[in-house]
Amino acid sequence: MQLSVSFLGIKENRKESIFKLSNEKIDFLHIDVMDGEFVENKTENLEELKKILPLSVPFDVHLMVKDTLHYIEEYASLRPHYMTIHSEVDGLLKGIDLIKSKNIKVGVSISPNTPINKIMPYLPLIDLVLVMTVHPGKSGQKLIFNTVNKVNELKRIRDIHKYDYLIEVDGGIDDTTITMCKSADIFVVGSYITERMSYEKQISRLEKALEEK
């Protein structure tokens, strides 16, 4: 299990909480970037974000924005391990090429209402597919069950064509729903971990849930 933890839901003592989180047994800090256009909500600007980000764990940047090229240029300065853009925006291939030119691994995300067919031409070109199991833009939503079918289908397609992309799931992941998405490689988890006092205990529960299935 690779774990990418979103701190979107942390509202108080953000810097201290994110630092504490970065010292837990996690693989990535998941950075949600929202522009108030592609999704309703808007996150803080990059300079504010840099003030609270620790450097001890790799970043997994998820761009929920319309002007992808601008945001790619801006957030590349964080040197993230992954940078993911949405398949629903214009200029997807340009975005993929730009991320690659920065020597950053590129991901493409599909929202709950977006079919896999939309990204089929891009699957040989990318490193990661992010399956949104909730509607993008808000923390704390419940997993939409039919989105799990996409996870299983993407694994089947990868096996048939010998593609290299990893499958990431994001939205409503807890110690019950994680078992439904066990075909995924990376699990984005937010409020299930960050809204509890013991991050370590919640992470352990996720690991145990997967081991038991």
N, C-alpha and C. Protein backbone atom coordinates (compact mmCIF):
# COMPACT_ATOMS: atom_id res chain seq x y z
N MET A 1 0.84 -1.20 0.00
CA MET A 1 0.00 0.00 0.00
C MET A 1 0.87 1.25 0.00
N GLN A 2 0.65 2.12 -0.99
CA GLN A 2 1.25 3.45 -0.95
C GLN A 2 0.19 4.44 -0.50
N LEU A 3 0.56 5.29 0.42
CA LEU A 3 -0.39 6.20 1.04
C LEU A 3 -0.01 7.65 0.75
N SER A 4 -0.96 8.39 0.19
CA SER A 4 -0.77 9.81 -0.09
C SER A 4 -1.81 10.55 0.74
N VAL A 5 -1.37 11.34 1.70
CA VAL A 5 -2.31 11.93 2.66
C VAL A 5 -2.60 13.39 2.30
N SER A 6 -3.89 13.68 2.16
CA SER A 6 -4.34 15.03 1.86
C SER A 6 -4.55 15.79 3.16
N PHE A 7 -4.04 17.02 3.20
CA PHE A 7 -4.23 17.86 4.40
C PHE A 7 -5.27 18.95 4.15
N LEU A 8 -6.09 18.78 3.10
CA LEU A 8 -7.09 19.78 2.74
C LEU A 8 -8.04 20.08 3.90
N GLY A 9 -8.38 19.05 4.67
CA GLY A 9 -9.34 19.23 5.75
C GLY A 9 -8.76 19.81 7.03
N ILE A 10 -7.45 19.96 7.11
CA ILE A 10 -6.83 20.53 8.31
C ILE A 10 -7.01 22.04 8.30
N LYS A 11 -7.72 22.56 9.27
CA LYS A 11 -8.02 23.98 9.30
C LYS A 11 -7.27 24.73 10.41
N GLU A 12 -6.92 24.05 11.49
CA GLU A 12 -6.27 24.70 12.62
C GLU A 12 -4.87 24.14 12.81
N ASN A 13 -3.97 25.00 13.29
CA ASN A 13 -2.57 24.60 13.53
C ASN A 13 -2.02 23.84 12.32
N ARG A 14 -2.22 24.38 11.14
CA ARG A 14 -1.93 23.65 9.91
C ARG A 14 -0.45 23.28 9.81
N LYS A 15 0.42 24.22 10.06
CA LYS A 15 1.84 23.94 9.90
C LYS A 15 2.29 22.84 10.83
N GLU A 16 1.88 22.91 12.10
CA GLU A 16 2.28 21.89 13.08
C GLU A 16 1.68 20.54 12.73
N SER A 17 0.41 20.54 12.32
CA SER A 17 -0.27 19.28 12.00
C SER A 17 0.33 18.62 10.77
N ILE A 18 0.65 19.43 9.75
CA ILE A 18 1.24 18.88 8.53
C ILE A 18 2.64 18.36 8.79
N PHE A 19 3.38 19.05 9.64
CA PHE A 19 4.71 18.57 10.02
C PHE A 19 4.60 17.23 10.74
N LYS A 20 3.66 17.13 11.65
CA LYS A 20 3.43 15.87 12.36
C LYS A 20 3.06 14.76 11.38
N LEU A 21 2.20 15.08 10.44
CA LEU A 21 1.76 14.12 9.43
C LEU A 21 2.94 13.62 8.59
N SER A 22 3.83 14.53 8.24
CA SER A 22 4.96 14.18 7.38
C SER A 22 5.93 13.22 8.05
N ASN A 23 5.86 13.12 9.37
CA ASN A 23 6.73 12.21 10.10
C ASN A 23 6.09 10.84 10.36
N GLU A 24 4.88 10.67 9.86
CA GLU A 24 4.21 9.37 9.98
C GLU A 24 4.64 8.46 8.83
N LYS A 25 4.14 7.25 8.84
CA LYS A 25 4.49 6.25 7.84
C LYS A 25 3.64 6.47 6.58
N ILE A 26 4.00 7.53 5.82
CA ILE A 26 3.27 7.83 4.61
C ILE A 26 4.27 7.94 3.45
N ASP A 27 3.74 7.81 2.23
CA ASP A 27 4.61 7.86 1.05
C ASP A 27 4.64 9.24 0.42
N PHE A 28 3.51 9.95 0.49
CA PHE A 28 3.41 11.27 -0.13
C PHE A 28 2.52 12.19 0.70
N LEU A 29 2.77 13.48 0.60
CA LEU A 29 1.79 14.48 1.00
C LEU A 29 1.02 14.86 -0.26
N HIS A 30 -0.29 14.75 -0.20
CA HIS A 30 -1.14 15.04 -1.34
C HIS A 30 -1.55 16.50 -1.29
N ILE A 31 -1.14 17.27 -2.29
CA ILE A 31 -1.40 18.70 -2.32
C ILE A 31 -2.53 18.99 -3.30
N ASP A 32 -3.69 19.35 -2.78
CA ASP A 32 -4.83 19.71 -3.61
C ASP A 32 -4.75 21.18 -3.98
N VAL A 33 -4.77 21.46 -5.27
CA VAL A 33 -4.70 22.84 -5.75
C VAL A 33 -6.01 23.14 -6.47
N MET A 34 -6.75 24.14 -5.98
CA MET A 34 -8.05 24.47 -6.55
C MET A 34 -8.09 25.96 -6.89
N ASP A 35 -8.69 26.27 -8.04
CA ASP A 35 -8.65 27.64 -8.55
C ASP A 35 -9.95 28.41 -8.40
N GLY A 36 -11.00 27.77 -7.84
CA GLY A 36 -12.29 28.44 -7.74
C GLY A 36 -13.04 28.51 -9.06
N GLU A 37 -12.51 27.89 -10.11
CA GLU A 37 -13.16 27.87 -11.42
C GLU A 37 -13.49 26.45 -11.85
N PHE A 38 -12.46 25.60 -11.93
CA PHE A 38 -12.72 24.20 -12.27
C PHE A 38 -13.56 23.55 -11.18
N VAL A 39 -13.27 23.90 -9.93
CA VAL A 39 -14.10 23.50 -8.80
C VAL A 39 -14.49 24.77 -8.04
N GLU A 40 -15.49 24.65 -7.18
CA GLU A 40 -16.03 25.82 -6.50
C GLU A 40 -15.03 26.42 -5.50
N ASN A 41 -14.33 25.57 -4.78
CA ASN A 41 -13.43 26.06 -3.74
C ASN A 41 -12.10 26.53 -4.32
N LYS A 42 -11.38 27.27 -3.49
CA LYS A 42 -10.06 27.77 -3.88
C LYS A 42 -9.09 27.58 -2.73
N THR A 43 -7.90 27.11 -3.04
CA THR A 43 -6.88 26.91 -2.01
C THR A 43 -5.95 28.11 -1.94
N GLU A 44 -5.12 28.14 -0.90
CA GLU A 44 -4.18 29.24 -0.75
C GLU A 44 -3.17 29.26 -1.89
N ASN A 45 -2.54 30.41 -2.08
CA ASN A 45 -1.57 30.52 -3.18
C ASN A 45 -0.28 29.78 -2.83
N LEU A 46 0.57 29.65 -3.82
CA LEU A 46 1.78 28.84 -3.68
C LEU A 46 2.70 29.37 -2.59
N GLU A 47 2.86 30.66 -2.52
CA GLU A 47 3.78 31.23 -1.53
C GLU A 47 3.30 30.95 -0.10
N GLU A 48 1.99 31.02 0.12
CA GLU A 48 1.45 30.68 1.43
C GLU A 48 1.63 29.20 1.72
N LEU A 49 1.44 28.39 0.69
CA LEU A 49 1.59 26.95 0.85
C LEU A 49 3.02 26.57 1.22
N LYS A 50 3.97 27.23 0.60
CA LYS A 50 5.38 26.92 0.88
C LYS A 50 5.75 27.14 2.35
N LYS A 51 5.05 28.05 3.00
CA LYS A 51 5.34 28.37 4.41
C LYS A 51 4.98 27.23 5.35
N ILE A 52 4.07 26.36 4.90
CA ILE A 52 3.60 25.29 5.79
C ILE A 52 4.03 23.90 5.35
N LEU A 53 4.73 23.81 4.22
CA LEU A 53 5.10 22.49 3.70
C LEU A 53 6.45 22.02 4.25
N PRO A 54 6.48 20.84 4.85
CA PRO A 54 7.77 20.25 5.22
C PRO A 54 8.44 19.66 3.98
N LEU A 55 9.72 19.42 4.06
CA LEU A 55 10.46 18.90 2.90
C LEU A 55 10.88 17.44 3.08
N SER A 56 10.36 16.81 4.12
CA SER A 56 10.85 15.48 4.47
C SER A 56 10.10 14.35 3.75
N VAL A 57 9.08 14.67 2.96
CA VAL A 57 8.29 13.63 2.29
C VAL A 57 7.97 14.12 0.87
N PRO A 58 7.94 13.22 -0.12
CA PRO A 58 7.63 13.63 -1.49
C PRO A 58 6.22 14.18 -1.63
N PHE A 59 6.03 15.06 -2.59
CA PHE A 59 4.73 15.67 -2.84
C PHE A 59 4.02 15.02 -4.02
N ASP A 60 2.72 14.95 -3.90
CA ASP A 60 1.82 14.42 -4.91
C ASP A 60 0.81 15.54 -5.20
N VAL A 61 1.02 16.29 -6.28
CA VAL A 61 0.24 17.50 -6.54
C VAL A 61 -0.93 17.19 -7.47
N HIS A 62 -2.11 17.57 -7.04
CA HIS A 62 -3.34 17.34 -7.80
C HIS A 62 -3.92 18.70 -8.20
N LEU A 63 -3.84 19.02 -9.49
CA LEU A 63 -4.28 20.31 -10.00
C LEU A 63 -5.74 20.23 -10.44
N MET A 64 -6.63 20.79 -9.63
CA MET A 64 -8.05 20.90 -9.98
C MET A 64 -8.28 22.32 -10.49
N VAL A 65 -7.78 22.58 -11.68
CA VAL A 65 -7.74 23.95 -12.22
C VAL A 65 -8.06 23.93 -13.71
N LYS A 66 -8.49 25.08 -14.22
CA LYS A 66 -8.77 25.21 -15.66
C LYS A 66 -7.50 25.54 -16.45
N ASP A 67 -6.73 26.50 -15.95
CA ASP A 67 -5.54 26.95 -16.67
C ASP A 67 -4.36 26.06 -16.26
N THR A 68 -4.35 24.85 -16.79
CA THR A 68 -3.37 23.87 -16.32
C THR A 68 -1.93 24.29 -16.61
N LEU A 69 -1.68 24.87 -17.76
CA LEU A 69 -0.31 25.20 -18.13
C LEU A 69 0.29 26.22 -17.16
N HIS A 70 -0.50 27.19 -16.78
CA HIS A 70 -0.02 28.19 -15.81
C HIS A 70 0.32 27.54 -14.48
N TYR A 71 -0.58 26.69 -13.99
CA TYR A 71 -0.37 26.06 -12.69
C TYR A 71 0.76 25.03 -12.72
N ILE A 72 0.93 24.35 -13.84
CA ILE A 72 2.07 23.42 -13.97
C ILE A 72 3.38 24.18 -13.82
N GLU A 73 3.50 25.28 -14.53
CA GLU A 73 4.71 26.10 -14.44
C GLU A 73 4.95 26.56 -13.00
N GLU A 74 3.90 26.97 -12.33
CA GLU A 74 4.03 27.50 -10.98
C GLU A 74 4.40 26.42 -9.96
N TYR A 75 3.68 25.31 -9.98
CA TYR A 75 3.85 24.27 -8.95
C TYR A 75 5.01 23.33 -9.24
N ALA A 76 5.57 23.41 -10.42
CA ALA A 76 6.78 22.63 -10.70
C ALA A 76 7.93 23.03 -9.79
N SER A 77 7.86 24.25 -9.25
CA SER A 77 8.92 24.72 -8.34
C SER A 77 8.98 23.91 -7.05
N LEU A 78 7.90 23.19 -6.73
CA LEU A 78 7.91 22.32 -5.55
C LEU A 78 8.67 21.01 -5.80
N ARG A 79 8.98 20.74 -7.06
CA ARG A 79 9.63 19.48 -7.46
C ARG A 79 8.85 18.26 -6.94
N PRO A 80 7.55 18.19 -7.24
CA PRO A 80 6.77 17.05 -6.76
C PRO A 80 7.17 15.75 -7.46
N HIS A 81 6.86 14.64 -6.81
CA HIS A 81 7.10 13.34 -7.43
C HIS A 81 6.07 13.10 -8.54
N TYR A 82 4.82 13.41 -8.25
CA TYR A 82 3.73 13.32 -9.24
C TYR A 82 3.04 14.66 -9.36
N MET A 83 2.60 14.98 -10.58
CA MET A 83 1.71 16.11 -10.80
C MET A 83 0.58 15.63 -11.70
N THR A 84 -0.65 15.81 -11.22
CA THR A 84 -1.82 15.27 -11.91
C THR A 84 -2.73 16.39 -12.37
N ILE A 85 -3.16 16.28 -13.63
CA ILE A 85 -4.11 17.24 -14.20
C ILE A 85 -5.39 16.50 -14.59
N HIS A 86 -6.47 17.25 -14.76
CA HIS A 86 -7.76 16.62 -15.03
C HIS A 86 -8.02 16.43 -16.52
N SER A 87 -8.61 15.30 -16.83
CA SER A 87 -8.93 14.96 -18.22
C SER A 87 -10.04 15.83 -18.78
N GLU A 88 -10.78 16.50 -17.90
CA GLU A 88 -11.93 17.29 -18.33
C GLU A 88 -11.56 18.69 -18.83
N VAL A 89 -10.28 19.08 -18.71
CA VAL A 89 -9.87 20.42 -19.15
C VAL A 89 -9.32 20.36 -20.58
N ASP A 90 -9.25 21.52 -21.21
CA ASP A 90 -8.72 21.61 -22.56
C ASP A 90 -7.19 21.48 -22.54
N GLY A 91 -6.65 21.05 -23.67
CA GLY A 91 -5.20 21.01 -23.82
C GLY A 91 -4.51 19.95 -22.98
N LEU A 92 -5.15 18.79 -22.87
CA LEU A 92 -4.61 17.74 -22.00
C LEU A 92 -3.22 17.28 -22.46
N LEU A 93 -3.04 17.07 -23.75
CA LEU A 93 -1.75 16.60 -24.25
C LEU A 93 -0.65 17.63 -24.00
N LYS A 94 -0.96 18.91 -24.17
CA LYS A 94 0.02 19.96 -23.88
C LYS A 94 0.43 19.92 -22.41
N GLY A 95 -0.54 19.69 -21.54
CA GLY A 95 -0.24 19.60 -20.12
C GLY A 95 0.64 18.41 -19.79
N ILE A 96 0.34 17.27 -20.38
CA ILE A 96 1.16 16.07 -20.18
C ILE A 96 2.60 16.32 -20.62
N ASP A 97 2.74 16.89 -21.80
CA ASP A 97 4.08 17.16 -22.33
C ASP A 97 4.85 18.17 -21.46
N LEU A 98 4.15 19.17 -20.96
CA LEU A 98 4.81 20.18 -20.13
C LEU A 98 5.29 19.58 -18.81
N ILE A 99 4.48 18.76 -18.19
CA ILE A 99 4.89 18.11 -16.93
C ILE A 99 6.11 17.22 -17.18
N LYS A 100 6.07 16.47 -18.27
CA LYS A 100 7.21 15.61 -18.60
C LYS A 100 8.49 16.42 -18.81
N SER A 101 8.33 17.59 -19.43
CA SER A 101 9.50 18.43 -19.70
C SER A 101 10.15 18.93 -18.41
N LYS A 102 9.40 18.90 -17.31
CA LYS A 102 9.93 19.31 -16.01
C LYS A 102 10.55 18.15 -15.24
N ASN A 103 10.60 16.97 -15.88
CA ASN A 103 11.11 15.74 -15.22
C ASN A 103 10.30 15.39 -13.99
N ILE A 104 8.99 15.58 -14.10
CA ILE A 104 8.04 15.21 -13.05
C ILE A 104 7.14 14.11 -13.61
N LYS A 105 6.83 13.12 -12.80
CA LYS A 105 5.93 12.06 -13.25
C LYS A 105 4.52 12.63 -13.40
N VAL A 106 3.87 12.24 -14.51
CA VAL A 106 2.61 12.87 -14.87
C VAL A 106 1.42 11.95 -14.63
N GLY A 107 0.39 12.55 -14.06
CA GLY A 107 -0.86 11.83 -13.82
C GLY A 107 -2.02 12.52 -14.52
N VAL A 108 -3.04 11.73 -14.84
CA VAL A 108 -4.29 12.26 -15.40
C VAL A 108 -5.43 11.76 -14.53
N SER A 109 -6.32 12.67 -14.17
CA SER A 109 -7.43 12.33 -13.28
C SER A 109 -8.74 12.27 -14.05
N ILE A 110 -9.61 11.36 -13.60
CA ILE A 110 -10.97 11.30 -14.15
C ILE A 110 -11.96 11.47 -13.00
N SER A 111 -12.89 12.39 -13.20
CA SER A 111 -13.94 12.64 -12.22
C SER A 111 -15.00 11.53 -12.30
N PRO A 112 -15.89 11.44 -11.29
CA PRO A 112 -16.86 10.35 -11.27
C PRO A 112 -17.70 10.19 -12.52
N ASN A 113 -18.03 11.28 -13.19
CA ASN A 113 -18.90 11.19 -14.38
C ASN A 113 -18.12 11.06 -15.69
N THR A 114 -16.80 10.97 -15.60
CA THR A 114 -15.97 10.86 -16.80
C THR A 114 -15.65 9.40 -17.11
N PRO A 115 -15.95 8.94 -18.33
CA PRO A 115 -15.66 7.54 -18.67
C PRO A 115 -14.17 7.32 -18.96
N ILE A 116 -13.73 6.11 -18.77
CA ILE A 116 -12.33 5.76 -19.05
C ILE A 116 -11.97 6.00 -20.50
N ASN A 117 -12.93 5.82 -21.40
CA ASN A 117 -12.66 6.00 -22.84
C ASN A 117 -12.03 7.36 -23.14
N LYS A 118 -12.35 8.36 -22.33
CA LYS A 118 -11.83 9.70 -22.57
C LYS A 118 -10.31 9.76 -22.46
N ILE A 119 -9.73 8.89 -21.63
CA ILE A 119 -8.28 8.95 -21.43
C ILE A 119 -7.53 7.80 -22.09
N MET A 120 -8.23 6.94 -22.80
CA MET A 120 -7.57 5.78 -23.42
C MET A 120 -6.36 6.16 -24.28
N PRO A 121 -6.43 7.22 -25.11
CA PRO A 121 -5.27 7.55 -25.95
C PRO A 121 -4.04 7.99 -25.15
N TYR A 122 -4.25 8.39 -23.90
CA TYR A 122 -3.15 8.94 -23.11
C TYR A 122 -2.50 7.90 -22.18
N LEU A 123 -3.13 6.75 -22.04
CA LEU A 123 -2.63 5.76 -21.08
C LEU A 123 -1.19 5.31 -21.35
N PRO A 124 -0.75 5.18 -22.61
CA PRO A 124 0.65 4.80 -22.83
C PRO A 124 1.64 5.91 -22.48
N LEU A 125 1.15 7.13 -22.29
CA LEU A 125 2.03 8.28 -22.12
C LEU A 125 2.25 8.70 -20.68
N ILE A 126 1.44 8.16 -19.76
CA ILE A 126 1.43 8.72 -18.41
C ILE A 126 1.92 7.72 -17.37
N ASP A 127 2.19 8.25 -16.19
CA ASP A 127 2.73 7.44 -15.08
C ASP A 127 1.67 7.07 -14.06
N LEU A 128 0.53 7.78 -14.10
CA LEU A 128 -0.46 7.58 -13.05
C LEU A 128 -1.85 7.96 -13.56
N VAL A 129 -2.86 7.19 -13.16
CA VAL A 129 -4.26 7.58 -13.37
C VAL A 129 -4.88 7.77 -12.00
N LEU A 130 -5.43 8.95 -11.79
CA LEU A 130 -6.10 9.25 -10.52
C LEU A 130 -7.60 9.13 -10.73
N VAL A 131 -8.19 8.13 -10.09
CA VAL A 131 -9.63 7.92 -10.16
C VAL A 131 -10.27 8.66 -8.99
N MET A 132 -11.06 9.69 -9.31
CA MET A 132 -11.78 10.40 -8.27
C MET A 132 -12.99 9.57 -7.86
N THR A 133 -13.01 9.17 -6.61
CA THR A 133 -14.13 8.38 -6.09
C THR A 133 -15.14 9.27 -5.37
N VAL A 134 -14.92 10.58 -5.43
CA VAL A 134 -15.89 11.60 -5.04
C VAL A 134 -15.79 12.72 -6.08
N HIS A 135 -16.71 13.67 -6.03
CA HIS A 135 -16.62 14.82 -6.92
C HIS A 135 -15.51 15.74 -6.42
N PRO A 136 -14.63 16.18 -7.32
CA PRO A 136 -13.47 16.96 -6.89
C PRO A 136 -13.85 18.30 -6.28
N GLY A 137 -13.05 18.71 -5.26
CA GLY A 137 -13.20 20.06 -4.74
C GLY A 137 -13.55 20.20 -3.29
N LYS A 138 -14.03 19.12 -2.65
CA LYS A 138 -14.40 19.23 -1.24
C LYS A 138 -13.90 18.02 -0.47
N SER A 139 -13.46 18.27 0.76
CA SER A 139 -12.99 17.20 1.62
C SER A 139 -14.16 16.59 2.40
N GLY A 140 -14.00 15.33 2.82
CA GLY A 140 -14.96 14.69 3.71
C GLY A 140 -16.17 14.07 3.04
N GLN A 141 -16.16 13.90 1.70
CA GLN A 141 -17.30 13.29 1.01
C GLN A 141 -17.26 11.76 1.14
N LYS A 142 -18.41 11.15 0.92
CA LYS A 142 -18.49 9.70 0.94
C LYS A 142 -18.17 9.13 -0.44
N LEU A 143 -17.50 7.99 -0.46
CA LEU A 143 -17.11 7.35 -1.71
C LEU A 143 -18.33 7.01 -2.56
N ILE A 144 -18.26 7.30 -3.86
CA ILE A 144 -19.30 6.95 -4.82
C ILE A 144 -19.00 5.53 -5.32
N PHE A 145 -19.85 4.59 -4.99
CA PHE A 145 -19.50 3.19 -5.15
C PHE A 145 -19.22 2.76 -6.58
N ASN A 146 -19.96 3.30 -7.56
CA ASN A 146 -19.75 2.83 -8.93
C ASN A 146 -18.42 3.28 -9.53
N THR A 147 -17.72 4.20 -8.86
CA THR A 147 -16.41 4.62 -9.37
C THR A 147 -15.37 3.51 -9.19
N VAL A 148 -15.64 2.59 -8.29
CA VAL A 148 -14.69 1.51 -8.04
C VAL A 148 -14.53 0.63 -9.28
N ASN A 149 -15.57 0.56 -10.12
CA ASN A 149 -15.49 -0.22 -11.35
C ASN A 149 -14.37 0.28 -12.25
N LYS A 150 -14.11 1.59 -12.21
CA LYS A 150 -13.05 2.16 -13.04
C LYS A 150 -11.68 1.69 -12.58
N VAL A 151 -11.53 1.53 -11.29
CA VAL A 151 -10.25 1.05 -10.75
C VAL A 151 -9.96 -0.34 -11.30
N ASN A 152 -10.95 -1.21 -11.22
CA ASN A 152 -10.77 -2.58 -11.69
C ASN A 152 -10.55 -2.63 -13.20
N GLU A 153 -11.28 -1.78 -13.94
CA GLU A 153 -11.14 -1.76 -15.40
C GLU A 153 -9.77 -1.23 -15.81
N LEU A 154 -9.28 -0.21 -15.12
CA LEU A 154 -7.95 0.33 -15.43
C LEU A 154 -6.85 -0.69 -15.16
N LYS A 155 -7.04 -1.50 -14.14
CA LYS A 155 -6.06 -2.56 -13.85
C LYS A 155 -6.10 -3.60 -14.97
N ARG A 156 -7.31 -3.94 -15.43
CA ARG A 156 -7.46 -4.92 -16.51
C ARG A 156 -6.79 -4.40 -17.79
N ILE A 157 -7.03 -3.14 -18.12
CA ILE A 157 -6.43 -2.53 -19.32
C ILE A 157 -4.91 -2.52 -19.21
N ARG A 158 -4.42 -2.18 -18.04
CA ARG A 158 -2.96 -2.15 -17.82
C ARG A 158 -2.34 -3.53 -18.01
N ASP A 159 -3.00 -4.54 -17.49
CA ASP A 159 -2.47 -5.90 -17.61
C ASP A 159 -2.46 -6.37 -19.06
N ILE A 160 -3.51 -6.05 -19.80
CA ILE A 160 -3.62 -6.49 -21.19
C ILE A 160 -2.56 -5.82 -22.06
N HIS A 161 -2.39 -4.51 -21.89
CA HIS A 161 -1.51 -3.74 -22.78
C HIS A 161 -0.10 -3.55 -22.23
N LYS A 162 0.14 -4.05 -21.02
CA LYS A 162 1.46 -3.91 -20.38
C LYS A 162 1.85 -2.44 -20.19
N TYR A 163 0.86 -1.63 -19.84
CA TYR A 163 1.14 -0.23 -19.56
C TYR A 163 1.84 -0.10 -18.20
N ASP A 164 2.43 1.07 -17.96
CA ASP A 164 3.22 1.26 -16.75
C ASP A 164 2.56 2.15 -15.70
N TYR A 165 1.41 2.71 -16.00
CA TYR A 165 0.81 3.66 -15.06
C TYR A 165 0.38 2.98 -13.75
N LEU A 166 0.48 3.76 -12.67
CA LEU A 166 -0.08 3.35 -11.39
C LEU A 166 -1.51 3.87 -11.30
N ILE A 167 -2.30 3.24 -10.46
CA ILE A 167 -3.69 3.65 -10.25
C ILE A 167 -3.81 4.22 -8.84
N GLU A 168 -4.30 5.45 -8.79
CA GLU A 168 -4.49 6.13 -7.51
C GLU A 168 -5.98 6.40 -7.33
N VAL A 169 -6.47 6.27 -6.10
CA VAL A 169 -7.87 6.58 -5.80
C VAL A 169 -7.93 7.69 -4.77
N ASP A 170 -8.92 8.56 -4.92
CA ASP A 170 -9.02 9.74 -4.06
C ASP A 170 -10.47 10.05 -3.77
N GLY A 171 -10.83 9.95 -2.48
CA GLY A 171 -12.16 10.37 -2.06
C GLY A 171 -12.90 9.34 -1.24
N GLY A 172 -13.18 9.69 0.00
CA GLY A 172 -13.99 8.82 0.85
C GLY A 172 -13.31 7.53 1.26
N ILE A 173 -11.97 7.53 1.28
CA ILE A 173 -11.25 6.30 1.64
C ILE A 173 -11.12 6.20 3.16
N ASP A 174 -11.60 5.07 3.69
CA ASP A 174 -11.44 4.76 5.11
C ASP A 174 -11.13 3.28 5.24
N ASP A 175 -11.18 2.74 6.46
CA ASP A 175 -10.78 1.35 6.65
C ASP A 175 -11.80 0.34 6.10
N THR A 176 -12.96 0.81 5.68
CA THR A 176 -13.94 -0.06 5.01
C THR A 176 -13.84 0.08 3.50
N THR A 177 -13.88 1.31 3.00
CA THR A 177 -13.89 1.52 1.55
C THR A 177 -12.56 1.19 0.89
N ILE A 178 -11.48 1.22 1.65
CA ILE A 178 -10.17 0.91 1.05
C ILE A 178 -10.13 -0.51 0.51
N THR A 179 -10.87 -1.40 1.13
CA THR A 179 -10.88 -2.79 0.68
C THR A 179 -11.62 -2.94 -0.66
N MET A 180 -12.54 -2.03 -0.93
CA MET A 180 -13.26 -2.06 -2.21
C MET A 180 -12.35 -1.64 -3.36
N CYS A 181 -11.32 -0.85 -3.02
CA CYS A 181 -10.42 -0.29 -4.04
C CYS A 181 -9.07 -0.98 -4.04
N LYS A 182 -9.03 -2.23 -3.61
CA LYS A 182 -7.74 -2.89 -3.38
C LYS A 182 -6.92 -3.09 -4.66
N SER A 183 -7.54 -2.92 -5.84
CA SER A 183 -6.78 -3.01 -7.09
C SER A 183 -5.92 -1.78 -7.34
N ALA A 184 -6.15 -0.73 -6.56
CA ALA A 184 -5.37 0.50 -6.72
C ALA A 184 -3.97 0.31 -6.13
N ASP A 185 -3.06 1.20 -6.53
CA ASP A 185 -1.68 1.16 -6.03
C ASP A 185 -1.41 2.24 -4.98
N ILE A 186 -2.08 3.38 -5.14
CA ILE A 186 -1.88 4.51 -4.22
C ILE A 186 -3.24 4.96 -3.72
N PHE A 187 -3.33 5.16 -2.42
CA PHE A 187 -4.59 5.57 -1.80
C PHE A 187 -4.43 6.97 -1.22
N VAL A 188 -5.27 7.89 -1.71
CA VAL A 188 -5.29 9.24 -1.14
C VAL A 188 -6.29 9.23 0.01
N VAL A 189 -5.82 9.57 1.17
CA VAL A 189 -6.68 9.58 2.36
C VAL A 189 -6.56 10.95 3.02
N GLY A 190 -7.70 11.50 3.40
CA GLY A 190 -7.70 12.81 4.04
C GLY A 190 -8.29 12.78 5.42
N SER A 191 -9.58 13.10 5.51
CA SER A 191 -10.21 13.32 6.80
C SER A 191 -10.19 12.08 7.71
N TYR A 192 -10.18 10.88 7.14
CA TYR A 192 -10.12 9.68 7.97
C TYR A 192 -8.88 9.69 8.88
N ILE A 193 -7.81 10.26 8.39
CA ILE A 193 -6.58 10.37 9.17
C ILE A 193 -6.50 11.71 9.90
N THR A 194 -6.72 12.80 9.17
CA THR A 194 -6.41 14.12 9.71
C THR A 194 -7.40 14.63 10.74
N GLU A 195 -8.60 14.02 10.78
CA GLU A 195 -9.58 14.46 11.77
C GLU A 195 -9.51 13.67 13.08
N ARG A 196 -8.49 12.83 13.20
CA ARG A 196 -8.31 12.05 14.44
C ARG A 196 -7.06 12.53 15.16
N MET A 197 -7.02 12.27 16.44
CA MET A 197 -5.88 12.70 17.25
C MET A 197 -4.63 11.90 16.90
N SER A 198 -4.81 10.60 16.70
CA SER A 198 -3.67 9.73 16.41
C SER A 198 -3.61 9.40 14.93
N TYR A 199 -2.75 10.07 14.20
CA TYR A 199 -2.56 9.75 12.79
C TYR A 199 -2.03 8.31 12.64
N GLU A 200 -1.11 7.96 13.50
CA GLU A 200 -0.47 6.64 13.43
C GLU A 200 -1.50 5.52 13.55
N LYS A 201 -2.44 5.68 14.47
CA LYS A 201 -3.45 4.64 14.68
C LYS A 201 -4.34 4.49 13.45
N GLN A 202 -4.72 5.60 12.83
CA GLN A 202 -5.58 5.54 11.65
C GLN A 202 -4.86 4.89 10.46
N ILE A 203 -3.59 5.22 10.31
CA ILE A 203 -2.80 4.62 9.23
C ILE A 203 -2.68 3.11 9.44
N SER A 204 -2.47 2.72 10.68
CA SER A 204 -2.37 1.30 11.01
C SER A 204 -3.67 0.56 10.69
N ARG A 205 -4.79 1.21 10.94
CA ARG A 205 -6.09 0.58 10.64
C ARG A 205 -6.28 0.37 9.14
N LEU A 206 -5.81 1.31 8.34
CA LEU A 206 -5.88 1.16 6.89
C LEU A 206 -5.03 -0.02 6.43
N GLU A 207 -3.82 -0.10 6.94
CA GLU A 207 -2.92 -1.20 6.57
C GLU A 207 -3.52 -2.54 6.95
N LYS A 208 -4.08 -2.61 8.14
CA LYS A 208 -4.67 -3.86 8.62
C LYS A 208 -5.86 -4.28 7.77
N ALA A 209 -6.69 -3.30 7.39
CA ALA A 209 -7.86 -3.59 6.57
C ALA A 209 -7.47 -4.22 5.24
N LEU A 210 -6.41 -3.71 4.61
CA LEU A 210 -5.95 -4.27 3.33
C LEU A 210 -5.34 -5.65 3.51
N GLU A 211 -4.62 -5.84 4.60
CA GLU A 211 -3.97 -7.13 4.86
C GLU A 211 -4.99 -8.23 5.07
N GLU A 212 -6.13 -7.87 5.62
CA GLU A 212 -7.15 -8.88 5.95
C GLU A 212 -7.96 -9.30 4.73
N LYS A 213 -7.87 -8.56 3.64
CA LYS A 213 -8.63 -8.90 2.44
C LYS A 213 -7.80 -9.72 1.45
